[in-house]
Amino acid sequence: MSTVRLVMAREPIPAGPKVFLAGPTPDKSTPAPSWRPHALDLITTQWAGPGPLTVLTPESRSGLRAERYEHQVDWETDARAAADAILFWIPRDMRTMPGMTTNVEFGLDVSTGRAILGVPPDCPNPERNRYLAYVARRHGVPVCETLTDTVAEALTLVAAAGTLAAR
């Protein structure tokens, strides 16, 4: 049985296969449920790799925020760079989870060959994801409409990275 381990913001990033959960994070000023626990459940159910998989999340354990903003940004940048797949799930809600930072991160990662884009058509503001989906397709990035499919694509990418590394 393969295992999935969760590494949260600013925790050490281990070696081995990794997927980063990129996308809007709920803010305490406009509370909304995080989508990441459901993504972790789906990853745990779907992961069939030969060994453990690390899931990297920019959310903090116990809600503890970074002492300095730069510490968070640096960790997220390093974690995305270390990941075999960068799963972007953008349930855009301009009121509670606008995802402005996510837009920048996607722009930085779209051409890496490690990005997967999930844009649910039933989110509050799907029209705000149209540009990202267009750019993703131009760069050959898979675009999915469900979190289940987005996770499956990301895990396929992780498995392919492991196959290439074994050669």
C-alpha atoms as a PDB file:
ATOM      1  CA  MET A   1       0.000   0.000   0.000  1.00  0.00           C
ATOM      2  CA  SER A   2       1.374   3.391  -0.972  1.00  0.00           C
ATOM      3  CA  THR A   3       1.364   6.199   1.522  1.00  0.00           C
ATOM      4  CA  VAL A   4       0.717   9.888   1.199  1.00  0.00           C
ATOM      5  CA  ARG A   5       2.293  12.327   3.610  1.00  0.00           C
ATOM      6  CA  LEU A   6       1.341  15.955   4.068  1.00  0.00           C
ATOM      7  CA  VAL A   7       3.947  18.700   4.359  1.00  0.00           C
ATOM      8  CA  MET A   8       2.548  22.089   5.271  1.00  0.00           C
ATOM      9  CA  ALA A   9       3.877  25.623   4.827  1.00  0.00           C
ATOM     10  CA  ARG A  10       7.424  26.232   5.989  1.00  0.00           C
ATOM     11  CA  GLU A  11       8.036  22.593   6.973  1.00  0.00           C
ATOM     12  CA  PRO A  12      11.090  20.802   5.519  1.00  0.00           C
ATOM     13  CA  ILE A  13      10.574  19.529   1.972  1.00  0.00           C
ATOM     14  CA  PRO A  14      11.624  15.873   1.711  1.00  0.00           C
ATOM     15  CA  ALA A  15      13.102  14.007  -1.225  1.00  0.00           C
ATOM     16  CA  GLY A  16      10.922  11.757  -3.354  1.00  0.00           C
ATOM     17  CA  PRO A  17       7.851  12.322  -5.513  1.00  0.00           C
ATOM     18  CA  LYS A  18       5.858  15.430  -4.662  1.00  0.00           C
ATOM     19  CA  VAL A  19       2.764  17.339  -5.729  1.00  0.00           C
ATOM     20  CA  PHE A  20       2.144  20.963  -4.743  1.00  0.00           C
ATOM     21  CA  LEU A  21      -1.445  22.137  -4.159  1.00  0.00           C
ATOM     22  CA  ALA A  22      -1.545  25.593  -5.741  1.00  0.00           C
ATOM     23  CA  GLY A  23      -4.602  27.786  -5.749  1.00  0.00           C
ATOM     24  CA  PRO A  24      -6.482  30.274  -3.619  1.00  0.00           C
ATOM     25  CA  THR A  25      -6.161  29.938   0.140  1.00  0.00           C
ATOM     26  CA  PRO A  26      -8.994  31.052   2.409  1.00  0.00           C
ATOM     27  CA  ASP A  27      -8.260  34.249   4.308  1.00  0.00           C
ATOM     28  CA  LYS A  28      -9.288  34.761   7.908  1.00  0.00           C
ATOM     29  CA  SER A  29     -10.913  38.087   6.994  1.00  0.00           C
ATOM     30  CA  THR A  30     -13.367  36.347   4.633  1.00  0.00           C
ATOM     31  CA  PRO A  31     -13.669  32.764   5.926  1.00  0.00           C
ATOM     32  CA  ALA A  32     -14.376  30.049   3.394  1.00  0.00           C
ATOM     33  CA  PRO A  33     -13.718  26.312   3.528  1.00  0.00           C
ATOM     34  CA  SER A  34     -10.410  25.183   2.103  1.00  0.00           C
ATOM     35  CA  TRP A  35     -10.515  22.913  -0.938  1.00  0.00           C
ATOM     36  CA  ARG A  36      -7.202  21.272   0.014  1.00  0.00           C
ATOM     37  CA  PRO A  37      -8.492  18.634   2.499  1.00  0.00           C
ATOM     38  CA  HIS A  38     -10.736  17.218  -0.248  1.00  0.00           C
ATOM     39  CA  ALA A  39      -7.802  17.259  -2.680  1.00  0.00           C
ATOM     40  CA  LEU A  40      -5.674  15.383  -0.139  1.00  0.00           C
ATOM     41  CA  ASP A  41      -8.432  12.764   0.273  1.00  0.00           C
ATOM     42  CA  LEU A  42      -8.608  12.306  -3.506  1.00  0.00           C
ATOM     43  CA  ILE A  43      -4.823  12.046  -3.789  1.00  0.00           C
ATOM     44  CA  THR A  44      -4.715   9.480  -0.980  1.00  0.00           C
ATOM     45  CA  THR A  45      -7.416   7.428  -2.728  1.00  0.00           C
ATOM     46  CA  GLN A  46      -5.874   7.676  -6.204  1.00  0.00           C
ATOM     47  CA  TRP A  47      -2.125   7.378  -5.472  1.00  0.00           C
ATOM     48  CA  ALA A  48      -0.898   3.957  -6.587  1.00  0.00           C
ATOM     49  CA  GLY A  49       2.798   4.691  -6.941  1.00  0.00           C
ATOM     50  CA  PRO A  50       5.463   2.275  -5.748  1.00  0.00           C
ATOM     51  CA  GLY A  51       6.388   4.420  -2.754  1.00  0.00           C
ATOM     52  CA  PRO A  52       5.314   7.369  -0.654  1.00  0.00           C
ATOM     53  CA  LEU A  53       4.053  10.594  -2.184  1.00  0.00           C
ATOM     54  CA  THR A  54       4.479  13.956  -0.490  1.00  0.00           C
ATOM     55  CA  VAL A  55       1.718  16.523  -0.817  1.00  0.00           C
ATOM     56  CA  LEU A  56       2.947  20.082  -0.305  1.00  0.00           C
ATOM     57  CA  THR A  57       0.422  22.678   0.804  1.00  0.00           C
ATOM     58  CA  PRO A  58       0.933  26.407   1.361  1.00  0.00           C
ATOM     59  CA  GLU A  59      -1.562  26.324   4.235  1.00  0.00           C
ATOM     60  CA  SER A  60      -0.031  26.442   7.704  1.00  0.00           C
ATOM     61  CA  ARG A  61      -0.316  23.703  10.280  1.00  0.00           C
ATOM     62  CA  SER A  62      -2.697  24.786  13.032  1.00  0.00           C
ATOM     63  CA  GLY A  63      -3.267  28.053  11.176  1.00  0.00           C
ATOM     64  CA  LEU A  64       0.046  29.506  12.346  1.00  0.00           C
ATOM     65  CA  ARG A  65       1.141  32.219   9.964  1.00  0.00           C
ATOM     66  CA  ALA A  66       4.733  32.958   8.993  1.00  0.00           C
ATOM     67  CA  GLU A  67       6.600  35.497  11.097  1.00  0.00           C
ATOM     68  CA  ARG A  68       7.566  37.278   7.898  1.00  0.00           C
ATOM     69  CA  TYR A  69       5.699  37.337   4.599  1.00  0.00           C
ATOM     70  CA  GLU A  70       8.954  36.587   2.772  1.00  0.00           C
ATOM     71  CA  HIS A  71       9.330  33.277   4.643  1.00  0.00           C
ATOM     72  CA  GLN A  72       5.995  32.107   3.272  1.00  0.00           C
ATOM     73  CA  VAL A  73       6.716  33.286  -0.279  1.00  0.00           C
ATOM     74  CA  ASP A  74      10.180  31.698  -0.255  1.00  0.00           C
ATOM     75  CA  TRP A  75       8.827  28.369   1.016  1.00  0.00           C
ATOM     76  CA  GLU A  76       6.058  28.305  -1.584  1.00  0.00           C
ATOM     77  CA  THR A  77       8.517  29.136  -4.373  1.00  0.00           C
ATOM     78  CA  ASP A  78      10.913  26.398  -3.237  1.00  0.00           C
ATOM     79  CA  ALA A  79       8.073  23.889  -2.809  1.00  0.00           C
ATOM     80  CA  ARG A  80       6.699  24.522  -6.295  1.00  0.00           C
ATOM     81  CA  ALA A  81      10.216  24.177  -7.733  1.00  0.00           C
ATOM     82  CA  ALA A  82      10.696  20.845  -5.896  1.00  0.00           C
ATOM     83  CA  ALA A  83       7.341  19.388  -6.974  1.00  0.00           C
ATOM     84  CA  ASP A  84       6.981  16.856  -9.776  1.00  0.00           C
ATOM     85  CA  ALA A  85       3.479  18.213 -10.398  1.00  0.00           C
ATOM     86  CA  ILE A  86       1.922  21.561  -9.522  1.00  0.00           C
ATOM     87  CA  LEU A  87      -1.820  21.091  -9.171  1.00  0.00           C
ATOM     88  CA  PHE A  88      -3.633  24.387  -9.676  1.00  0.00           C
ATOM     89  CA  TRP A  89      -7.251  24.208  -8.484  1.00  0.00           C
ATOM     90  CA  ILE A  90      -9.004  27.553  -8.806  1.00  0.00           C
ATOM     91  CA  PRO A  91     -12.572  27.612  -7.453  1.00  0.00           C
ATOM     92  CA  ARG A  92     -12.576  31.356  -8.084  1.00  0.00           C
ATOM     93  CA  ASP A  93     -14.738  33.471  -5.787  1.00  0.00           C
ATOM     94  CA  MET A  94     -13.828  37.151  -6.039  1.00  0.00           C
ATOM     95  CA  ARG A  95     -15.432  37.781  -2.654  1.00  0.00           C
ATOM     96  CA  THR A  96     -13.824  35.056  -0.512  1.00  0.00           C
ATOM     97  CA  MET A  97     -10.987  33.477  -2.563  1.00  0.00           C
ATOM     98  CA  PRO A  98      -9.961  35.756  -5.410  1.00  0.00           C
ATOM     99  CA  GLY A  99      -6.647  33.968  -6.042  1.00  0.00           C
ATOM    100  CA  MET A 100      -4.642  36.962  -7.252  1.00  0.00           C
ATOM    101  CA  THR A 101      -1.370  35.395  -6.102  1.00  0.00           C
ATOM    102  CA  THR A 102      -2.425  32.180  -7.829  1.00  0.00           C
ATOM    103  CA  ASN A 103      -2.589  34.047 -11.135  1.00  0.00           C
ATOM    104  CA  VAL A 104       1.051  35.091 -10.759  1.00  0.00           C
ATOM    105  CA  GLU A 105       2.175  31.620  -9.683  1.00  0.00           C
ATOM    106  CA  PHE A 106       0.410  30.027 -12.634  1.00  0.00           C
ATOM    107  CA  GLY A 107       2.136  32.476 -14.965  1.00  0.00           C
ATOM    108  CA  LEU A 108       5.484  31.510 -13.467  1.00  0.00           C
ATOM    109  CA  ASP A 109       4.784  27.773 -13.691  1.00  0.00           C
ATOM    110  CA  VAL A 110       2.757  27.374 -16.895  1.00  0.00           C
ATOM    111  CA  SER A 111       5.806  26.607 -19.038  1.00  0.00           C
ATOM    112  CA  THR A 112       7.554  24.232 -16.610  1.00  0.00           C
ATOM    113  CA  GLY A 113       5.866  21.080 -17.913  1.00  0.00           C
ATOM    114  CA  ARG A 114       4.731  20.344 -14.343  1.00  0.00           C
ATOM    115  CA  ALA A 115       1.481  22.369 -14.147  1.00  0.00           C
ATOM    116  CA  ILE A 116      -2.077  21.030 -14.217  1.00  0.00           C
ATOM    117  CA  LEU A 117      -4.986  23.481 -14.225  1.00  0.00           C
ATOM    118  CA  GLY A 118      -8.360  22.795 -12.651  1.00  0.00           C
ATOM    119  CA  VAL A 119     -11.082  25.389 -13.235  1.00  0.00           C
ATOM    120  CA  PRO A 120     -14.540  24.347 -12.042  1.00  0.00           C
ATOM    121  CA  PRO A 121     -17.314  25.761 -14.240  1.00  0.00           C
ATOM    122  CA  ASP A 122     -19.666  25.954 -11.252  1.00  0.00           C
ATOM    123  CA  CYS A 123     -17.459  28.170  -9.052  1.00  0.00           C
ATOM    124  CA  PRO A 124     -18.837  31.638  -8.198  1.00  0.00           C
ATOM    125  CA  ASN A 125     -16.698  33.444 -10.817  1.00  0.00           C
ATOM    126  CA  PRO A 126     -15.732  31.002 -13.591  1.00  0.00           C
ATOM    127  CA  GLU A 127     -15.379  33.853 -16.094  1.00  0.00           C
ATOM    128  CA  ARG A 128     -12.302  34.955 -14.110  1.00  0.00           C
ATOM    129  CA  ASN A 129     -10.555  31.679 -15.015  1.00  0.00           C
ATOM    130  CA  ARG A 130     -11.058  31.971 -18.776  1.00  0.00           C
ATOM    131  CA  TYR A 131      -7.705  33.645 -19.435  1.00  0.00           C
ATOM    132  CA  LEU A 132      -5.795  31.068 -17.374  1.00  0.00           C
ATOM    133  CA  ALA A 133      -7.473  28.209 -19.251  1.00  0.00           C
ATOM    134  CA  TYR A 134      -6.621  29.812 -22.584  1.00  0.00           C
ATOM    135  CA  VAL A 135      -2.965  30.305 -21.597  1.00  0.00           C
ATOM    136  CA  ALA A 136      -2.788  26.760 -20.232  1.00  0.00           C
ATOM    137  CA  ARG A 137      -3.996  25.280 -23.517  1.00  0.00           C
ATOM    138  CA  ARG A 138      -1.511  27.400 -25.479  1.00  0.00           C
ATOM    139  CA  HIS A 139       1.268  25.861 -23.372  1.00  0.00           C
ATOM    140  CA  GLY A 140      -0.062  22.298 -23.526  1.00  0.00           C
ATOM    141  CA  VAL A 141      -1.098  22.275 -19.870  1.00  0.00           C
ATOM    142  CA  PRO A 142      -4.023  19.924 -19.151  1.00  0.00           C
ATOM    143  CA  VAL A 143      -7.196  21.803 -18.182  1.00  0.00           C
ATOM    144  CA  CYS A 144      -9.738  19.950 -16.026  1.00  0.00           C
ATOM    145  CA  GLU A 145     -13.162  20.882 -14.689  1.00  0.00           C
ATOM    146  CA  THR A 146     -13.337  18.600 -11.634  1.00  0.00           C
ATOM    147  CA  LEU A 147     -10.980  18.201  -8.717  1.00  0.00           C
ATOM    148  CA  THR A 148     -11.022  14.419  -9.228  1.00  0.00           C
ATOM    149  CA  ASP A 149      -9.792  14.800 -12.820  1.00  0.00           C
ATOM    150  CA  THR A 150      -7.239  17.459 -11.834  1.00  0.00           C
ATOM    151  CA  VAL A 151      -5.798  15.125  -9.186  1.00  0.00           C
ATOM    152  CA  ALA A 152      -5.687  12.232 -11.685  1.00  0.00           C
ATOM    153  CA  GLU A 153      -3.754  14.363 -14.200  1.00  0.00           C
ATOM    154  CA  ALA A 154      -1.328  15.526 -11.517  1.00  0.00           C
ATOM    155  CA  LEU A 155      -0.666  11.960 -10.356  1.00  0.00           C
ATOM    156  CA  THR A 156      -0.098  10.866 -13.949  1.00  0.00           C
ATOM    157  CA  LEU A 157       2.530  13.608 -14.204  1.00  0.00           C
ATOM    158  CA  VAL A 158       4.168  12.495 -10.933  1.00  0.00           C
ATOM    159  CA  ALA A 159       4.266   8.889 -12.154  1.00  0.00           C
ATOM    160  CA  ALA A 160       5.798   9.973 -15.471  1.00  0.00           C
ATOM    161  CA  ALA A 161       8.458  11.985 -13.640  1.00  0.00           C
ATOM    162  CA  GLY A 162       9.326   8.864 -11.612  1.00  0.00           C
ATOM    163  CA  THR A 163       9.562   6.780 -14.769  1.00  0.00           C
ATOM    164  CA  LEU A 164      11.929   9.312 -16.342  1.00  0.00           C
ATOM    165  CA  ALA A 165      14.049   9.490 -13.187  1.00  0.00           C
ATOM    166  CA  ALA A 166      14.398   5.685 -13.137  1.00  0.00           C
ATOM    167  CA  ARG A 167      15.979   5.649 -16.598  1.00  0.00           C
END
